[in-house]
Full PDB file with SEQRES, HELIX, SHEET, SSBOND, CRYST1, ORIGX, SCALE, CONECT and MASTER records, all heavy atoms in Angstrom:
SEQRES   1 A   39  GLY SER LEU ARG LEU SER CYS ALA ALA SER GLY ARG ILE          
SEQRES   2 A   39  PHE SER ILE ASN ALA MET GLY TRP TYR ARG GLN ALA PRO          
SEQRES   3 A   39  GLY LYS GLN ARG GLU LEU VAL ALA ARG ILE VAL SER GLY          
SHEET    1 AA1 2 ALA A  18  ARG A  23  0                                        
SHEET    2 AA1 2 GLU A  31  VAL A  37 -1                                        
CRYST1    1.000    1.000    1.000  90.00  90.00  90.00 P 1           1          
ORIGX1      1.000000  0.000000  0.000000        0.00000                         
ORIGX2      0.000000  1.000000  0.000000        0.00000                         
ORIGX3      0.000000  0.000000  1.000000        0.00000                         
SCALE1      1.000000  0.000000  0.000000        0.00000                         
SCALE2      0.000000  1.000000  0.000000        0.00000                         
SCALE3      0.000000  0.000000  1.000000        0.00000                         
ATOM      1  N   GLY A   1      12.735  -6.134 -15.372  1.00  0.00           N  
ATOM      2  CA  GLY A   1      11.494  -5.637 -15.915  1.00  0.00           C  
ATOM      3  C   GLY A   1      10.743  -4.755 -14.946  1.00  0.00           C  
ATOM      4  O   GLY A   1      11.228  -4.426 -13.860  1.00  0.00           O  
ATOM      5  N   SER A   2       9.531  -4.391 -15.338  1.00  0.00           N  
ATOM      6  CA  SER A   2       8.726  -3.461 -14.561  1.00  0.00           C  
ATOM      7  C   SER A   2       7.301  -3.967 -14.415  1.00  0.00           C  
ATOM      8  O   SER A   2       6.784  -4.689 -15.265  1.00  0.00           O  
ATOM      9  CB  SER A   2       8.691  -2.082 -15.232  1.00  0.00           C  
ATOM     10  OG  SER A   2       9.977  -1.504 -15.314  1.00  0.00           O  
ATOM     11  N   LEU A   3       6.687  -3.575 -13.325  1.00  0.00           N  
ATOM     12  CA  LEU A   3       5.277  -3.794 -13.080  1.00  0.00           C  
ATOM     13  C   LEU A   3       4.712  -2.568 -12.391  1.00  0.00           C  
ATOM     14  O   LEU A   3       5.439  -1.846 -11.701  1.00  0.00           O  
ATOM     15  CB  LEU A   3       5.028  -5.020 -12.204  1.00  0.00           C  
ATOM     16  CG  LEU A   3       5.188  -6.403 -12.822  1.00  0.00           C  
ATOM     17  CD1 LEU A   3       5.057  -7.467 -11.740  1.00  0.00           C  
ATOM     18  CD2 LEU A   3       4.159  -6.635 -13.916  1.00  0.00           C  
ATOM     19  N   ARG A   4       3.429  -2.370 -12.559  1.00  0.00           N  
ATOM     20  CA  ARG A   4       2.748  -1.263 -11.905  1.00  0.00           C  
ATOM     21  C   ARG A   4       1.545  -1.814 -11.153  1.00  0.00           C  
ATOM     22  O   ARG A   4       0.624  -2.358 -11.759  1.00  0.00           O  
ATOM     23  CB  ARG A   4       2.295  -0.224 -12.923  1.00  0.00           C  
ATOM     24  CG  ARG A   4       1.608   1.002 -12.313  1.00  0.00           C  
ATOM     25  CD  ARG A   4       1.308   2.023 -13.402  1.00  0.00           C  
ATOM     26  NE  ARG A   4       0.522   3.161 -12.947  1.00  0.00           N  
ATOM     27  CZ  ARG A   4       1.023   4.255 -12.393  1.00  0.00           C  
ATOM     28  NH1 ARG A   4       2.334   4.363 -12.209  1.00  0.00           N  
ATOM     29  NH2 ARG A   4       0.226   5.250 -12.026  1.00  0.00           N  
ATOM     30  N   LEU A   5       1.578  -1.680  -9.844  1.00  0.00           N  
ATOM     31  CA  LEU A   5       0.482  -2.113  -9.001  1.00  0.00           C  
ATOM     32  C   LEU A   5      -0.456  -0.952  -8.732  1.00  0.00           C  
ATOM     33  O   LEU A   5      -0.017   0.197  -8.602  1.00  0.00           O  
ATOM     34  CB  LEU A   5       1.000  -2.661  -7.669  1.00  0.00           C  
ATOM     35  CG  LEU A   5       2.038  -3.781  -7.724  1.00  0.00           C  
ATOM     36  CD1 LEU A   5       2.368  -4.240  -6.306  1.00  0.00           C  
ATOM     37  CD2 LEU A   5       1.547  -4.943  -8.574  1.00  0.00           C  
ATOM     38  N   SER A   6      -1.728  -1.265  -8.623  1.00  0.00           N  
ATOM     39  CA  SER A   6      -2.723  -0.257  -8.313  1.00  0.00           C  
ATOM     40  C   SER A   6      -3.630  -0.768  -7.214  1.00  0.00           C  
ATOM     41  O   SER A   6      -3.890  -1.966  -7.107  1.00  0.00           O  
ATOM     42  CB  SER A   6      -3.559   0.095  -9.551  1.00  0.00           C  
ATOM     43  OG  SER A   6      -2.763   0.640 -10.571  1.00  0.00           O  
ATOM     44  N   CYS A   7      -4.108   0.144  -6.413  1.00  0.00           N  
ATOM     45  CA  CYS A   7      -5.027  -0.179  -5.336  1.00  0.00           C  
ATOM     46  C   CYS A   7      -6.047   0.932  -5.234  1.00  0.00           C  
ATOM     47  O   CYS A   7      -5.678   2.087  -4.984  1.00  0.00           O  
ATOM     48  CB  CYS A   7      -4.266  -0.346  -4.016  1.00  0.00           C  
ATOM     49  SG  CYS A   7      -5.320  -0.603  -2.578  1.00  0.00           S  
ATOM     50  N   ALA A   8      -7.297   0.580  -5.413  1.00  0.00           N  
ATOM     51  CA  ALA A   8      -8.379   1.547  -5.359  1.00  0.00           C  
ATOM     52  C   ALA A   8      -9.216   1.320  -4.115  1.00  0.00           C  
ATOM     53  O   ALA A   8      -9.659   0.201  -3.848  1.00  0.00           O  
ATOM     54  CB  ALA A   8      -9.254   1.445  -6.601  1.00  0.00           C  
ATOM     55  N   ALA A   9      -9.431   2.373  -3.372  1.00  0.00           N  
ATOM     56  CA  ALA A   9     -10.228   2.315  -2.158  1.00  0.00           C  
ATOM     57  C   ALA A   9     -11.614   2.883  -2.424  1.00  0.00           C  
ATOM     58  O   ALA A   9     -11.761   3.898  -3.107  1.00  0.00           O  
ATOM     59  CB  ALA A   9      -9.555   3.091  -1.028  1.00  0.00           C  
ATOM     60  N   SER A  10     -12.600   2.238  -1.869  1.00  0.00           N  
ATOM     61  CA  SER A  10     -13.962   2.722  -2.004  1.00  0.00           C  
ATOM     62  C   SER A  10     -14.724   2.446  -0.721  1.00  0.00           C  
ATOM     63  O   SER A  10     -14.318   1.614   0.085  1.00  0.00           O  
ATOM     64  CB  SER A  10     -14.674   2.067  -3.191  1.00  0.00           C  
ATOM     65  OG  SER A  10     -14.777   0.668  -3.010  1.00  0.00           O  
ATOM     66  N   GLY A  11     -15.824   3.140  -0.560  1.00  0.00           N  
ATOM     67  CA  GLY A  11     -16.635   2.961   0.623  1.00  0.00           C  
ATOM     68  C   GLY A  11     -16.825   4.259   1.376  1.00  0.00           C  
ATOM     69  O   GLY A  11     -16.660   5.347   0.833  1.00  0.00           O  
ATOM     70  N   ARG A  12     -17.155   4.101   2.623  1.00  0.00           N  
ATOM     71  CA  ARG A  12     -17.447   5.253   3.458  1.00  0.00           C  
ATOM     72  C   ARG A  12     -16.150   5.792   4.047  1.00  0.00           C  
ATOM     73  O   ARG A  12     -15.697   5.367   5.105  1.00  0.00           O  
ATOM     74  CB  ARG A  12     -18.439   4.870   4.555  1.00  0.00           C  
ATOM     75  CG  ARG A  12     -19.798   4.447   4.003  1.00  0.00           C  
ATOM     76  CD  ARG A  12     -20.769   4.094   5.102  1.00  0.00           C  
ATOM     77  NE  ARG A  12     -22.081   3.787   4.566  1.00  0.00           N  
ATOM     78  CZ  ARG A  12     -23.130   3.448   5.294  1.00  0.00           C  
ATOM     79  NH1 ARG A  12     -23.015   3.366   6.615  1.00  0.00           N  
ATOM     80  NH2 ARG A  12     -24.279   3.187   4.709  1.00  0.00           N  
ATOM     81  N   ILE A  13     -15.586   6.746   3.337  1.00  0.00           N  
ATOM     82  CA  ILE A  13     -14.307   7.335   3.701  1.00  0.00           C  
ATOM     83  C   ILE A  13     -14.476   8.834   3.824  1.00  0.00           C  
ATOM     84  O   ILE A  13     -14.970   9.488   2.905  1.00  0.00           O  
ATOM     85  CB  ILE A  13     -13.229   7.021   2.656  1.00  0.00           C  
ATOM     86  CG1 ILE A  13     -13.064   5.507   2.488  1.00  0.00           C  
ATOM     87  CG2 ILE A  13     -11.909   7.665   3.036  1.00  0.00           C  
ATOM     88  CD1 ILE A  13     -12.197   5.124   1.318  1.00  0.00           C  
ATOM     89  N   PHE A  14     -14.040   9.361   4.936  1.00  0.00           N  
ATOM     90  CA  PHE A  14     -14.006  10.808   5.074  1.00  0.00           C  
ATOM     91  C   PHE A  14     -12.758  11.368   4.409  1.00  0.00           C  
ATOM     92  O   PHE A  14     -12.831  12.337   3.654  1.00  0.00           O  
ATOM     93  CB  PHE A  14     -14.065  11.220   6.551  1.00  0.00           C  
ATOM     94  CG  PHE A  14     -14.021  12.708   6.746  1.00  0.00           C  
ATOM     95  CD1 PHE A  14     -15.153  13.477   6.542  1.00  0.00           C  
ATOM     96  CD2 PHE A  14     -12.856  13.347   7.123  1.00  0.00           C  
ATOM     97  CE1 PHE A  14     -15.126  14.847   6.712  1.00  0.00           C  
ATOM     98  CE2 PHE A  14     -12.811  14.716   7.300  1.00  0.00           C  
ATOM     99  CZ  PHE A  14     -13.957  15.468   7.095  1.00  0.00           C  
ATOM    100  N   SER A  15     -11.641  10.753   4.686  1.00  0.00           N  
ATOM    101  CA  SER A  15     -10.393  11.138   4.065  1.00  0.00           C  
ATOM    102  C   SER A  15      -9.411   9.991   4.208  1.00  0.00           C  
ATOM    103  O   SER A  15      -9.567   9.123   5.061  1.00  0.00           O  
ATOM    104  CB  SER A  15      -9.820  12.419   4.689  1.00  0.00           C  
ATOM    105  OG  SER A  15      -9.498  12.219   6.047  1.00  0.00           O  
ATOM    106  N   ILE A  16      -8.403  10.014   3.370  1.00  0.00           N  
ATOM    107  CA  ILE A  16      -7.345   9.019   3.433  1.00  0.00           C  
ATOM    108  C   ILE A  16      -6.100   9.677   3.996  1.00  0.00           C  
ATOM    109  O   ILE A  16      -5.598  10.648   3.443  1.00  0.00           O  
ATOM    110  CB  ILE A  16      -7.065   8.418   2.051  1.00  0.00           C  
ATOM    111  CG1 ILE A  16      -8.287   7.647   1.560  1.00  0.00           C  
ATOM    112  CG2 ILE A  16      -5.837   7.515   2.103  1.00  0.00           C  
ATOM    113  CD1 ILE A  16      -8.124   7.047   0.188  1.00  0.00           C  
ATOM    114  N   ASN A  17      -5.623   9.141   5.080  1.00  0.00           N  
ATOM    115  CA  ASN A  17      -4.444   9.697   5.732  1.00  0.00           C  
ATOM    116  C   ASN A  17      -3.151   9.169   5.127  1.00  0.00           C  
ATOM    117  O   ASN A  17      -2.164   9.901   5.037  1.00  0.00           O  
ATOM    118  CB  ASN A  17      -4.475   9.396   7.228  1.00  0.00           C  
ATOM    119  CG  ASN A  17      -5.644  10.054   7.923  1.00  0.00           C  
ATOM    120  OD1 ASN A  17      -6.045  11.162   7.577  1.00  0.00           O  
ATOM    121  ND2 ASN A  17      -6.200   9.369   8.914  1.00  0.00           N  
ATOM    122  N   ALA A  18      -3.170   7.906   4.745  1.00  0.00           N  
ATOM    123  CA  ALA A  18      -1.968   7.304   4.185  1.00  0.00           C  
ATOM    124  C   ALA A  18      -2.348   6.089   3.367  1.00  0.00           C  
ATOM    125  O   ALA A  18      -3.318   5.391   3.665  1.00  0.00           O  
ATOM    126  CB  ALA A  18      -0.980   6.918   5.283  1.00  0.00           C  
ATOM    127  N   MET A  19      -1.572   5.835   2.335  1.00  0.00           N  
ATOM    128  CA  MET A  19      -1.728   4.641   1.526  1.00  0.00           C  
ATOM    129  C   MET A  19      -0.340   4.059   1.312  1.00  0.00           C  
ATOM    130  O   MET A  19       0.616   4.808   1.085  1.00  0.00           O  
ATOM    131  CB  MET A  19      -2.384   4.934   0.180  1.00  0.00           C  
ATOM    132  CG  MET A  19      -3.729   5.632   0.282  1.00  0.00           C  
ATOM    133  SD  MET A  19      -4.547   5.849  -1.324  1.00  0.00           S  
ATOM    134  CE  MET A  19      -5.241   4.201  -1.555  1.00  0.00           C  
ATOM    135  N   GLY A  20      -0.250   2.758   1.382  1.00  0.00           N  
ATOM    136  CA  GLY A  20       1.049   2.154   1.225  1.00  0.00           C  
ATOM    137  C   GLY A  20       0.978   0.723   0.748  1.00  0.00           C  
ATOM    138  O   GLY A  20      -0.102   0.151   0.573  1.00  0.00           O  
ATOM    139  N   TRP A  21       2.153   0.183   0.529  1.00  0.00           N  
ATOM    140  CA  TRP A  21       2.301  -1.183   0.074  1.00  0.00           C  
ATOM    141  C   TRP A  21       3.226  -1.941   1.002  1.00  0.00           C  
ATOM    142  O   TRP A  21       4.298  -1.447   1.382  1.00  0.00           O  
ATOM    143  CB  TRP A  21       2.866  -1.227  -1.347  1.00  0.00           C  
ATOM    144  CG  TRP A  21       1.937  -0.676  -2.371  1.00  0.00           C  
ATOM    145  CD1 TRP A  21       1.871   0.613  -2.818  1.00  0.00           C  
ATOM    146  CD2 TRP A  21       0.932  -1.390  -3.084  1.00  0.00           C  
ATOM    147  NE1 TRP A  21       0.890   0.740  -3.764  1.00  0.00           N  
ATOM    148  CE2 TRP A  21       0.298  -0.482  -3.946  1.00  0.00           C  
ATOM    149  CE3 TRP A  21       0.515  -2.719  -3.079  1.00  0.00           C  
ATOM    150  CZ2 TRP A  21      -0.743  -0.854  -4.794  1.00  0.00           C  
ATOM    151  CZ3 TRP A  21      -0.525  -3.088  -3.921  1.00  0.00           C  
ATOM    152  CH2 TRP A  21      -1.134  -2.167  -4.768  1.00  0.00           C  
ATOM    153  N   TYR A  22       2.807  -3.118   1.362  1.00  0.00           N  
ATOM    154  CA  TYR A  22       3.613  -4.061   2.108  1.00  0.00           C  
ATOM    155  C   TYR A  22       3.793  -5.308   1.258  1.00  0.00           C  
ATOM    156  O   TYR A  22       3.023  -5.560   0.338  1.00  0.00           O  
ATOM    157  CB  TYR A  22       2.946  -4.432   3.428  1.00  0.00           C  
ATOM    158  CG  TYR A  22       2.876  -3.307   4.441  1.00  0.00           C  
ATOM    159  CD1 TYR A  22       2.012  -2.234   4.262  1.00  0.00           C  
ATOM    160  CD2 TYR A  22       3.665  -3.327   5.588  1.00  0.00           C  
ATOM    161  CE1 TYR A  22       1.940  -1.205   5.181  1.00  0.00           C  
ATOM    162  CE2 TYR A  22       3.594  -2.309   6.523  1.00  0.00           C  
ATOM    163  CZ  TYR A  22       2.729  -1.253   6.307  1.00  0.00           C  
ATOM    164  OH  TYR A  22       2.664  -0.240   7.237  1.00  0.00           O  
ATOM    165  N   ARG A  23       4.797  -6.082   1.594  1.00  0.00           N  
ATOM    166  CA  ARG A  23       4.985  -7.335   0.886  1.00  0.00           C  
ATOM    167  C   ARG A  23       5.434  -8.414   1.857  1.00  0.00           C  
ATOM    168  O   ARG A  23       6.034  -8.137   2.887  1.00  0.00           O  
ATOM    169  CB  ARG A  23       5.996  -7.201  -0.255  1.00  0.00           C  
ATOM    170  CG  ARG A  23       7.436  -6.954   0.184  1.00  0.00           C  
ATOM    171  CD  ARG A  23       8.323  -6.696  -1.025  1.00  0.00           C  
ATOM    172  NE  ARG A  23       9.712  -6.476  -0.651  1.00  0.00           N  
ATOM    173  CZ  ARG A  23      10.656  -6.084  -1.495  1.00  0.00           C  
ATOM    174  NH1 ARG A  23      10.352  -5.865  -2.774  1.00  0.00           N  
ATOM    175  NH2 ARG A  23      11.903  -5.911  -1.073  1.00  0.00           N  
ATOM    176  N   GLN A  24       5.124  -9.629   1.494  1.00  0.00           N  
ATOM    177  CA  GLN A  24       5.516 -10.771   2.295  1.00  0.00           C  
ATOM    178  C   GLN A  24       5.994 -11.879   1.370  1.00  0.00           C  
ATOM    179  O   GLN A  24       5.232 -12.386   0.557  1.00  0.00           O  
ATOM    180  CB  GLN A  24       4.367 -11.263   3.166  1.00  0.00           C  
ATOM    181  CG  GLN A  24       4.771 -12.331   4.158  1.00  0.00           C  
ATOM    182  CD  GLN A  24       3.727 -12.552   5.229  1.00  0.00           C  
ATOM    183  OE1 GLN A  24       2.558 -12.215   5.051  1.00  0.00           O  
ATOM    184  NE2 GLN A  24       4.139 -13.114   6.352  1.00  0.00           N  
ATOM    185  N   ALA A  25       7.252 -12.217   1.511  1.00  0.00           N  
ATOM    186  CA  ALA A  25       7.843 -13.302   0.756  1.00  0.00           C  
ATOM    187  C   ALA A  25       7.760 -14.585   1.570  1.00  0.00           C  
ATOM    188  O   ALA A  25       7.638 -14.539   2.801  1.00  0.00           O  
ATOM    189  CB  ALA A  25       9.297 -12.981   0.413  1.00  0.00           C  
ATOM    190  N   PRO A  26       7.831 -15.730   0.920  1.00  0.00           N  
ATOM    191  CA  PRO A  26       7.774 -16.995   1.656  1.00  0.00           C  
ATOM    192  C   PRO A  26       8.830 -17.066   2.749  1.00  0.00           C  
ATOM    193  O   PRO A  26      10.006 -16.800   2.508  1.00  0.00           O  
ATOM    194  CB  PRO A  26       8.018 -18.039   0.568  1.00  0.00           C  
ATOM    195  CG  PRO A  26       7.545 -17.393  -0.684  1.00  0.00           C  
ATOM    196  CD  PRO A  26       7.909 -15.945  -0.533  1.00  0.00           C  
ATOM    197  N   GLY A  27       8.405 -17.403   3.945  1.00  0.00           N  
ATOM    198  CA  GLY A  27       9.318 -17.544   5.060  1.00  0.00           C  
ATOM    199  C   GLY A  27       9.799 -16.248   5.669  1.00  0.00           C  
ATOM    200  O   GLY A  27      10.680 -16.275   6.543  1.00  0.00           O  
ATOM    201  N   LYS A  28       9.253 -15.131   5.234  1.00  0.00           N  
ATOM    202  CA  LYS A  28       9.690 -13.842   5.748  1.00  0.00           C  
ATOM    203  C   LYS A  28       8.525 -13.072   6.347  1.00  0.00           C  
ATOM    204  O   LYS A  28       7.360 -13.354   6.079  1.00  0.00           O  
ATOM    205  CB  LYS A  28      10.338 -13.012   4.638  1.00  0.00           C  
ATOM    206  CG  LYS A  28      11.616 -13.609   4.067  1.00  0.00           C  
ATOM    207  CD  LYS A  28      12.237 -12.684   3.041  1.00  0.00           C  
ATOM    208  CE  LYS A  28      13.535 -13.258   2.499  1.00  0.00           C  
ATOM    209  NZ  LYS A  28      14.153 -12.354   1.494  1.00  0.00           N  
ATOM    210  N   GLN A  29       8.872 -12.099   7.166  1.00  0.00           N  
ATOM    211  CA  GLN A  29       7.876 -11.229   7.761  1.00  0.00           C  
ATOM    212  C   GLN A  29       7.360 -10.223   6.739  1.00  0.00           C  
ATOM    213  O   GLN A  29       8.067  -9.852   5.796  1.00  0.00           O  
ATOM    214  CB  GLN A  29       8.466 -10.487   8.962  1.00  0.00           C  
ATOM    215  CG  GLN A  29       8.867 -11.371  10.118  1.00  0.00           C  
ATOM    216  CD  GLN A  29       7.672 -11.963  10.817  1.00  0.00           C  
ATOM    217  OE1 GLN A  29       6.667 -11.283  11.036  1.00  0.00           O  
ATOM    218  NE2 GLN A  29       7.759 -13.236  11.174  1.00  0.00           N  
ATOM    219  N   ARG A  30       6.133  -9.793   6.938  1.00  0.00           N  
ATOM    220  CA  ARG A  30       5.601  -8.742   6.108  1.00  0.00           C  
ATOM    221  C   ARG A  30       6.352  -7.443   6.391  1.00  0.00           C  
ATOM    222  O   ARG A  30       6.587  -7.088   7.547  1.00  0.00           O  
ATOM    223  CB  ARG A  30       4.107  -8.568   6.367  1.00  0.00           C  
ATOM    224  CG  ARG A  30       3.425  -7.590   5.428  1.00  0.00           C  
ATOM    225  CD  ARG A  30       1.917  -7.570   5.634  1.00  0.00           C  
ATOM    226  NE  ARG A  30       1.309  -8.863   5.346  1.00  0.00           N  
ATOM    227  CZ  ARG A  30       0.003  -9.073   5.331  1.00  0.00           C  
ATOM    228  NH1 ARG A  30      -0.839  -8.080   5.572  1.00  0.00           N  
ATOM    229  NH2 ARG A  30      -0.468 -10.287   5.077  1.00  0.00           N  
ATOM    230  N   GLU A  31       6.720  -6.744   5.333  1.00  0.00           N  
ATOM    231  CA  GLU A  31       7.496  -5.535   5.486  1.00  0.00           C  
ATOM    232  C   GLU A  31       6.897  -4.391   4.683  1.00  0.00           C  
ATOM    233  O   GLU A  31       6.269  -4.600   3.643  1.00  0.00           O  
ATOM    234  CB  GLU A  31       8.951  -5.763   5.034  1.00  0.00           C  
ATOM    235  CG  GLU A  31       9.097  -6.072   3.553  1.00  0.00           C  
ATOM    236  CD  GLU A  31      10.540  -6.134   3.093  1.00  0.00           C  
ATOM    237  OE1 GLU A  31      11.437  -5.715   3.846  1.00  0.00           O  
ATOM    238  OE2 GLU A  31      10.774  -6.605   1.954  1.00  0.00           O  
ATOM    239  N   LEU A  32       7.126  -3.201   5.172  1.00  0.00           N  
ATOM    240  CA  LEU A  32       6.703  -2.011   4.456  1.00  0.00           C  
ATOM    241  C   LEU A  32       7.592  -1.812   3.238  1.00  0.00           C  
ATOM    242  O   LEU A  32       8.817  -1.845   3.342  1.00  0.00           O  
ATOM    243  CB  LEU A  32       6.781  -0.786   5.368  1.00  0.00           C  
ATOM    244  CG  LEU A  32       6.498   0.560   4.694  1.00  0.00           C  
ATOM    245  CD1 LEU A  32       5.032   0.650   4.283  1.00  0.00           C  
ATOM    246  CD2 LEU A  32       6.859   1.714   5.616  1.00  0.00           C  
ATOM    247  N   VAL A  33       6.967  -1.592   2.099  1.00  0.00           N  
ATOM    248  CA  VAL A  33       7.688  -1.323   0.864  1.00  0.00           C  
ATOM    249  C   VAL A  33       7.721   0.171   0.583  1.00  0.00           C  
ATOM    250  O   VAL A  33       8.781   0.754   0.345  1.00  0.00           O  
ATOM    251  CB  VAL A  33       7.063  -2.069  -0.324  1.00  0.00           C  
ATOM    252  CG1 VAL A  33       7.801  -1.740  -1.620  1.00  0.00           C  
ATOM    253  CG2 VAL A  33       7.073  -3.571  -0.070  1.00  0.00           C  
ATOM    254  N   ALA A  34       6.557   0.790   0.583  1.00  0.00           N  
ATOM    255  CA  ALA A  34       6.454   2.211   0.294  1.00  0.00           C  
ATOM    256  C   ALA A  34       5.129   2.726   0.809  1.00  0.00           C  
ATOM    257  O   ALA A  34       4.144   1.988   0.874  1.00  0.00           O  
ATOM    258  CB  ALA A  34       6.579   2.480  -1.208  1.00  0.00           C  
ATOM    259  N   ARG A  35       5.112   3.990   1.164  1.00  0.00           N  
ATOM    260  CA  ARG A  35       3.876   4.609   1.594  1.00  0.00           C  
ATOM    261  C   ARG A  35       3.882   6.077   1.215  1.00  0.00           C  
ATOM    262  O   ARG A  35       4.944   6.673   1.016  1.00  0.00           O  
ATOM    263  CB  ARG A  35       3.665   4.460   3.100  1.00  0.00           C  
ATOM    264  CG  ARG A  35       4.700   5.181   3.949  1.00  0.00           C  
ATOM    265  CD  ARG A  35       4.463   4.936   5.424  1.00  0.00           C  
ATOM    266  NE  ARG A  35       5.494   5.565   6.238  1.00  0.00           N  
ATOM    267  CZ  ARG A  35       5.596   5.426   7.545  1.00  0.00           C  
ATOM    268  NH1 ARG A  35       4.723   4.676   8.199  1.00  0.00           N  
ATOM    269  NH2 ARG A  35       6.570   6.032   8.200  1.00  0.00           N  
ATOM    270  N   ILE A  36       2.701   6.631   1.136  1.00  0.00           N  
ATOM    271  CA  ILE A  36       2.547   8.044   0.851  1.00  0.00           C  
ATOM    272  C   ILE A  36       1.448   8.573   1.753  1.00  0.00           C  
ATOM    273  O   ILE A  36       0.381   7.973   1.880  1.00  0.00           O  
ATOM    274  CB  ILE A  36       2.249   8.294  -0.643  1.00  0.00           C  
ATOM    275  CG1 ILE A  36       2.198   9.789  -0.944  1.00  0.00           C  
ATOM    276  CG2 ILE A  36       0.977   7.581  -1.086  1.00  0.00           C  
ATOM    277  CD1 ILE A  36       2.242  10.087  -2.438  1.00  0.00           C  
ATOM    278  N   VAL A  37       1.716   9.694   2.394  1.00  0.00           N  
ATOM    279  CA  VAL A  37       0.766  10.274   3.327  1.00  0.00           C  
ATOM    280  C   VAL A  37      -0.003  11.388   2.638  1.00  0.00           C  
ATOM    281  O   VAL A  37       0.289  11.777   1.508  1.00  0.00           O  
ATOM    282  CB  VAL A  37       1.469  10.790   4.594  1.00  0.00           C  
ATOM    283  CG1 VAL A  37       2.189   9.650   5.290  1.00  0.00           C  
ATOM    284  CG2 VAL A  37       2.444  11.910   4.260  1.00  0.00           C  
ATOM    285  N   SER A  38      -0.993  11.905   3.344  1.00  0.00           N  
ATOM    286  CA  SER A  38      -1.892  12.883   2.746  1.00  0.00           C  
ATOM    287  C   SER A  38      -1.175  14.131   2.268  1.00  0.00           C  
ATOM    288  O   SER A  38      -1.601  14.752   1.295  1.00  0.00           O  
ATOM    289  CB  SER A  38      -2.992  13.262   3.744  1.00  0.00           C  
ATOM    290  OG  SER A  38      -2.445  13.818   4.931  1.00  0.00           O  
ATOM    291  N   GLY A  39      -0.098  14.495   2.943  1.00  0.00           N  
ATOM    292  CA  GLY A  39       0.660  15.661   2.537  1.00  0.00           C  
ATOM    293  C   GLY A  39       1.560  15.436   1.349  1.00  0.00           C  
ATOM    294  O   GLY A  39       2.169  16.388   0.852  1.00  0.00           O  
TER     295      GLY A  39                                                      
MASTER        0    0    0    0    2    0    0    6  294    1    0    3          
END                                                                             
């Protein structure tokens, strides 16, 4: 199946350099899943 995650940033931000997703499964280290940079 499929899921769509969303993350909205708010506050005092001049610019966003990068946004990404990490995940942590039980008993495992947090890992980078995906990221997107300003470019």
